Amino acid sequence: MAGAPTLLGIFTEHIVVGVGDMAVSNNTSQVISTYALGSCIGVIAYDPIAEVGGILHFMLPDSTLSSEKAQSRPSMFCDVGMKAFLSEFESMRSKLVNMKIMIAGGASVIGKSDFFKIGSRNQEAIHAYLGKVNLKAQIQDLGGLNNRTVHLNMKDGTVKMKTPTANKKFSLL
């Protein structure tokens, strides 16, 4: 019967990453998701050797905007959020050299008149940070005017991305 749940689907645990938050896991029966990446950036990472994966959903490029917030909620910012995110991977015995990375978001969802240009500033920040730690995003879906929702399947490193106009599937293997 079409649309009937599968046995695997019944036992899959869904982890939702909110805005300015992150999740890292080594549980292959989980799907990690984040919704409505507008000007925010989603960093989706997966180590296929250690089977460790996660999503960081950061809002702002630089923690110097609020050192107090950076201490209480580091995942809000690219610089301190990425440091915490990569540290979580390493704590689960993931080697950064094995990491496959996708970045998504950085849109200008309020239109071309976006005065603060947070989306493009977030894009610049993640590229600079990845360069600084000698990592590279293998997959990028950035900019534009639409938000994105992403789901990382921990079992096989696939990423499903939904936008208002399309559904896409990527592999982080």
C-alpha atoms as a PDB file:
ATOM      1  CA  MET A   1       0.000   0.000   0.000  1.00  0.00           C
ATOM      2  CA  ALA A   2       1.475   3.361  -1.033  1.00  0.00           C
ATOM      3  CA  GLY A   3       2.418   5.628   1.829  1.00  0.00           C
ATOM      4  CA  ALA A   4       2.430   2.847   4.400  1.00  0.00           C
ATOM      5  CA  PRO A   5       5.205   3.172   6.977  1.00  0.00           C
ATOM      6  CA  THR A   6       8.200   0.897   6.632  1.00  0.00           C
ATOM      7  CA  LEU A   7       9.652  -1.041   9.549  1.00  0.00           C
ATOM      8  CA  LEU A   8      12.838   1.032   9.328  1.00  0.00           C
ATOM      9  CA  GLY A   9      10.792   4.242   9.304  1.00  0.00           C
ATOM     10  CA  ILE A  10       8.976   3.223  12.473  1.00  0.00           C
ATOM     11  CA  PHE A  11      12.248   2.791  14.365  1.00  0.00           C
ATOM     12  CA  THR A  12      14.040   5.849  12.971  1.00  0.00           C
ATOM     13  CA  GLU A  13      14.607   8.532  15.570  1.00  0.00           C
ATOM     14  CA  HIS A  14      14.336  12.126  14.340  1.00  0.00           C
ATOM     15  CA  ILE A  15      16.527  14.821  15.869  1.00  0.00           C
ATOM     16  CA  VAL A  16      15.540  18.417  15.100  1.00  0.00           C
ATOM     17  CA  VAL A  17      18.213  21.104  15.174  1.00  0.00           C
ATOM     18  CA  GLY A  18      16.739  24.505  15.922  1.00  0.00           C
ATOM     19  CA  VAL A  19      18.012  27.891  14.836  1.00  0.00           C
ATOM     20  CA  GLY A  20      21.344  28.594  16.512  1.00  0.00           C
ATOM     21  CA  ASP A  21      21.786  24.983  17.599  1.00  0.00           C
ATOM     22  CA  MET A  22      23.566  21.798  16.567  1.00  0.00           C
ATOM     23  CA  ALA A  23      23.422  18.025  16.917  1.00  0.00           C
ATOM     24  CA  VAL A  24      26.141  15.423  16.323  1.00  0.00           C
ATOM     25  CA  SER A  25      25.513  11.688  16.491  1.00  0.00           C
ATOM     26  CA  ASN A  26      26.953   8.267  15.813  1.00  0.00           C
ATOM     27  CA  ASN A  27      23.568   6.520  15.958  1.00  0.00           C
ATOM     28  CA  THR A  28      22.817   5.064  12.519  1.00  0.00           C
ATOM     29  CA  SER A  29      19.089   4.828  13.254  1.00  0.00           C
ATOM     30  CA  GLN A  30      18.709   8.601  13.438  1.00  0.00           C
ATOM     31  CA  VAL A  31      17.830  11.319  10.967  1.00  0.00           C
ATOM     32  CA  ILE A  32      19.030  14.801  11.892  1.00  0.00           C
ATOM     33  CA  SER A  33      17.009  17.675  10.440  1.00  0.00           C
ATOM     34  CA  THR A  34      16.958  21.438  10.419  1.00  0.00           C
ATOM     35  CA  TYR A  35      14.181  23.562   9.014  1.00  0.00           C
ATOM     36  CA  ALA A  36      13.887  26.902   7.257  1.00  0.00           C
ATOM     37  CA  LEU A  37      17.496  27.817   6.558  1.00  0.00           C
ATOM     38  CA  GLY A  38      16.993  31.325   5.251  1.00  0.00           C
ATOM     39  CA  SER A  39      19.920  33.681   5.770  1.00  0.00           C
ATOM     40  CA  CYS A  40      21.271  31.149   8.290  1.00  0.00           C
ATOM     41  CA  ILE A  41      23.772  28.525   7.183  1.00  0.00           C
ATOM     42  CA  GLY A  42      23.384  24.811   7.743  1.00  0.00           C
ATOM     43  CA  VAL A  43      26.642  22.901   7.961  1.00  0.00           C
ATOM     44  CA  ILE A  44      25.896  19.240   7.327  1.00  0.00           C
ATOM     45  CA  ALA A  45      28.861  16.987   7.995  1.00  0.00           C
ATOM     46  CA  TYR A  46      29.375  13.243   7.870  1.00  0.00           C
ATOM     47  CA  ASP A  47      32.368  10.998   8.510  1.00  0.00           C
ATOM     48  CA  PRO A  48      31.607   7.765   6.617  1.00  0.00           C
ATOM     49  CA  ILE A  49      34.458   5.870   8.311  1.00  0.00           C
ATOM     50  CA  ALA A  50      33.407   6.601  11.909  1.00  0.00           C
ATOM     51  CA  GLU A  51      29.699   6.939  10.945  1.00  0.00           C
ATOM     52  CA  VAL A  52      29.472  10.251  12.780  1.00  0.00           C
ATOM     53  CA  GLY A  53      27.350  13.044  11.403  1.00  0.00           C
ATOM     54  CA  GLY A  54      25.670  16.237  12.382  1.00  0.00           C
ATOM     55  CA  ILE A  55      24.159  19.581  11.542  1.00  0.00           C
ATOM     56  CA  LEU A  56      25.055  23.059  12.760  1.00  0.00           C
ATOM     57  CA  HIS A  57      22.441  25.787  12.097  1.00  0.00           C
ATOM     58  CA  PHE A  58      24.189  29.099  12.721  1.00  0.00           C
ATOM     59  CA  MET A  59      22.534  32.509  12.456  1.00  0.00           C
ATOM     60  CA  LEU A  60      25.337  35.055  12.438  1.00  0.00           C
ATOM     61  CA  PRO A  61      28.878  35.209  11.062  1.00  0.00           C
ATOM     62  CA  ASP A  62      30.863  36.473  14.031  1.00  0.00           C
ATOM     63  CA  SER A  63      30.638  36.072  17.803  1.00  0.00           C
ATOM     64  CA  THR A  64      32.114  39.523  18.443  1.00  0.00           C
ATOM     65  CA  LEU A  65      28.562  40.801  17.972  1.00  0.00           C
ATOM     66  CA  SER A  66      27.736  39.469  21.455  1.00  0.00           C
ATOM     67  CA  SER A  67      30.362  37.788  23.625  1.00  0.00           C
ATOM     68  CA  GLU A  68      27.690  36.983  26.221  1.00  0.00           C
ATOM     69  CA  LYS A  69      25.550  35.120  23.669  1.00  0.00           C
ATOM     70  CA  ALA A  70      28.661  33.447  22.257  1.00  0.00           C
ATOM     71  CA  GLN A  71      29.321  31.872  25.650  1.00  0.00           C
ATOM     72  CA  SER A  72      25.745  30.800  26.362  1.00  0.00           C
ATOM     73  CA  ARG A  73      24.774  29.791  22.787  1.00  0.00           C
ATOM     74  CA  PRO A  74      27.921  29.301  20.673  1.00  0.00           C
ATOM     75  CA  SER A  75      25.985  27.590  17.861  1.00  0.00           C
ATOM     76  CA  MET A  76      24.397  30.935  16.985  1.00  0.00           C
ATOM     77  CA  PHE A  77      27.682  32.092  15.433  1.00  0.00           C
ATOM     78  CA  CYS A  78      29.863  30.651  12.680  1.00  0.00           C
ATOM     79  CA  ASP A  79      33.220  31.048  14.409  1.00  0.00           C
ATOM     80  CA  VAL A  80      32.519  29.622  17.871  1.00  0.00           C
ATOM     81  CA  GLY A  81      29.749  27.345  16.576  1.00  0.00           C
ATOM     82  CA  MET A  82      32.052  25.629  14.092  1.00  0.00           C
ATOM     83  CA  LYS A  83      34.714  25.201  16.758  1.00  0.00           C
ATOM     84  CA  ALA A  84      32.198  23.468  19.056  1.00  0.00           C
ATOM     85  CA  PHE A  85      30.748  21.445  16.154  1.00  0.00           C
ATOM     86  CA  LEU A  86      34.122  20.076  15.053  1.00  0.00           C
ATOM     87  CA  SER A  87      35.056  19.375  18.674  1.00  0.00           C
ATOM     88  CA  GLU A  88      31.943  17.196  19.013  1.00  0.00           C
ATOM     89  CA  PHE A  89      33.014  15.193  15.957  1.00  0.00           C
ATOM     90  CA  GLU A  90      36.475  14.671  17.406  1.00  0.00           C
ATOM     91  CA  SER A  91      34.994  13.586  20.765  1.00  0.00           C
ATOM     92  CA  MET A  92      33.216  10.783  18.879  1.00  0.00           C
ATOM     93  CA  ARG A  93      36.504   9.598  17.335  1.00  0.00           C
ATOM     94  CA  SER A  94      35.807  11.171  13.975  1.00  0.00           C
ATOM     95  CA  LYS A  95      38.831  12.314  12.036  1.00  0.00           C
ATOM     96  CA  LEU A  96      38.350  15.655  10.334  1.00  0.00           C
ATOM     97  CA  VAL A  97      40.272  14.407   7.271  1.00  0.00           C
ATOM     98  CA  ASN A  98      37.449  11.885   6.683  1.00  0.00           C
ATOM     99  CA  MET A  99      34.695  14.474   6.998  1.00  0.00           C
ATOM    100  CA  LYS A 100      32.414  15.204   4.053  1.00  0.00           C
ATOM    101  CA  ILE A 101      30.701  18.593   4.276  1.00  0.00           C
ATOM    102  CA  MET A 102      27.684  20.217   2.699  1.00  0.00           C
ATOM    103  CA  ILE A 103      26.717  23.842   3.321  1.00  0.00           C
ATOM    104  CA  ALA A 104      23.271  25.223   2.587  1.00  0.00           C
ATOM    105  CA  GLY A 105      21.395  28.453   3.193  1.00  0.00           C
ATOM    106  CA  GLY A 106      22.725  31.976   3.138  1.00  0.00           C
ATOM    107  CA  ALA A 107      19.693  33.207   1.219  1.00  0.00           C
ATOM    108  CA  SER A 108      18.358  36.707   1.002  1.00  0.00           C
ATOM    109  CA  VAL A 109      14.818  35.766   1.992  1.00  0.00           C
ATOM    110  CA  ILE A 110      13.607  39.344   2.352  1.00  0.00           C
ATOM    111  CA  GLY A 111      14.561  40.114  -1.231  1.00  0.00           C
ATOM    112  CA  LYS A 112      17.317  41.921  -3.006  1.00  0.00           C
ATOM    113  CA  SER A 113      16.987  44.963  -0.731  1.00  0.00           C
ATOM    114  CA  ASP A 114      18.479  43.055   2.245  1.00  0.00           C
ATOM    115  CA  PHE A 115      20.286  45.938   3.973  1.00  0.00           C
ATOM    116  CA  PHE A 116      22.288  43.817   6.442  1.00  0.00           C
ATOM    117  CA  LYS A 117      23.190  41.102   3.892  1.00  0.00           C
ATOM    118  CA  ILE A 118      23.334  38.457   6.641  1.00  0.00           C
ATOM    119  CA  GLY A 119      23.052  35.601   4.138  1.00  0.00           C
ATOM    120  CA  SER A 120      26.057  36.665   2.097  1.00  0.00           C
ATOM    121  CA  ARG A 121      28.040  37.553   5.237  1.00  0.00           C
ATOM    122  CA  ASN A 122      27.280  34.069   6.614  1.00  0.00           C
ATOM    123  CA  GLN A 123      28.498  32.540   3.352  1.00  0.00           C
ATOM    124  CA  GLU A 124      31.760  34.465   3.570  1.00  0.00           C
ATOM    125  CA  ALA A 125      32.183  33.434   7.213  1.00  0.00           C
ATOM    126  CA  ILE A 126      31.739  29.693   6.618  1.00  0.00           C
ATOM    127  CA  HIS A 127      34.098  29.698   3.620  1.00  0.00           C
ATOM    128  CA  ALA A 128      36.723  31.574   5.649  1.00  0.00           C
ATOM    129  CA  TYR A 129      36.354  29.244   8.633  1.00  0.00           C
ATOM    130  CA  LEU A 130      36.587  26.071   6.548  1.00  0.00           C
ATOM    131  CA  GLY A 131      39.680  27.462   4.810  1.00  0.00           C
ATOM    132  CA  LYS A 132      41.254  28.307   8.152  1.00  0.00           C
ATOM    133  CA  VAL A 133      40.893  24.700   9.392  1.00  0.00           C
ATOM    134  CA  ASN A 134      41.833  23.226   6.004  1.00  0.00           C
ATOM    135  CA  LEU A 135      38.406  21.749   5.240  1.00  0.00           C
ATOM    136  CA  LYS A 136      36.281  22.087   2.128  1.00  0.00           C
ATOM    137  CA  ALA A 137      32.587  21.784   1.421  1.00  0.00           C
ATOM    138  CA  GLN A 138      32.075  19.088  -1.208  1.00  0.00           C
ATOM    139  CA  ILE A 139      28.477  20.225  -1.765  1.00  0.00           C
ATOM    140  CA  GLN A 140      27.104  23.767  -1.641  1.00  0.00           C
ATOM    141  CA  ASP A 141      23.597  25.075  -2.113  1.00  0.00           C
ATOM    142  CA  LEU A 142      23.818  28.740  -1.163  1.00  0.00           C
ATOM    143  CA  GLY A 143      22.173  32.075  -1.806  1.00  0.00           C
ATOM    144  CA  GLY A 144      19.077  32.807  -3.766  1.00  0.00           C
ATOM    145  CA  LEU A 145      15.797  33.941  -2.270  1.00  0.00           C
ATOM    146  CA  ASN A 146      14.359  30.678  -0.887  1.00  0.00           C
ATOM    147  CA  ASN A 147      14.699  28.884   2.410  1.00  0.00           C
ATOM    148  CA  ARG A 148      15.892  25.287   2.667  1.00  0.00           C
ATOM    149  CA  THR A 149      15.130  22.332   4.925  1.00  0.00           C
ATOM    150  CA  VAL A 150      17.693  19.538   5.212  1.00  0.00           C
ATOM    151  CA  HIS A 151      17.578  15.995   6.584  1.00  0.00           C
ATOM    152  CA  LEU A 152      20.776  13.963   7.194  1.00  0.00           C
ATOM    153  CA  ASN A 153      20.242  10.195   7.266  1.00  0.00           C
ATOM    154  CA  MET A 154      22.843   8.800   9.646  1.00  0.00           C
ATOM    155  CA  LYS A 155      22.542   5.307   8.185  1.00  0.00           C
ATOM    156  CA  ASP A 156      24.012   6.163   4.807  1.00  0.00           C
ATOM    157  CA  GLY A 157      25.104   9.818   4.799  1.00  0.00           C
ATOM    158  CA  THR A 158      22.389  10.937   2.392  1.00  0.00           C
ATOM    159  CA  VAL A 159      20.992  14.440   2.639  1.00  0.00           C
ATOM    160  CA  LYS A 160      17.511  15.333   1.453  1.00  0.00           C
ATOM    161  CA  MET A 161      16.934  19.024   0.876  1.00  0.00           C
ATOM    162  CA  LYS A 162      13.581  20.685   0.311  1.00  0.00           C
ATOM    163  CA  THR A 163      12.974  24.170  -1.023  1.00  0.00           C
ATOM    164  CA  PRO A 164       9.688  25.772  -2.057  1.00  0.00           C
ATOM    165  CA  THR A 165      10.478  24.842  -5.670  1.00  0.00           C
ATOM    166  CA  ALA A 166      12.405  21.540  -5.528  1.00  0.00           C
ATOM    167  CA  ASN A 167      13.436  18.423  -3.644  1.00  0.00           C
ATOM    168  CA  LYS A 168      17.056  17.311  -3.980  1.00  0.00           C
ATOM    169  CA  LYS A 169      19.091  14.389  -2.699  1.00  0.00           C
ATOM    170  CA  PHE A 170      22.844  14.392  -2.063  1.00  0.00           C
ATOM    171  CA  SER A 171      25.354  11.833  -0.785  1.00  0.00           C
ATOM    172  CA  LEU A 172      28.070  12.602   1.746  1.00  0.00           C
ATOM    173  CA  LEU A 173      29.996   9.393   1.105  1.00  0.00           C
END
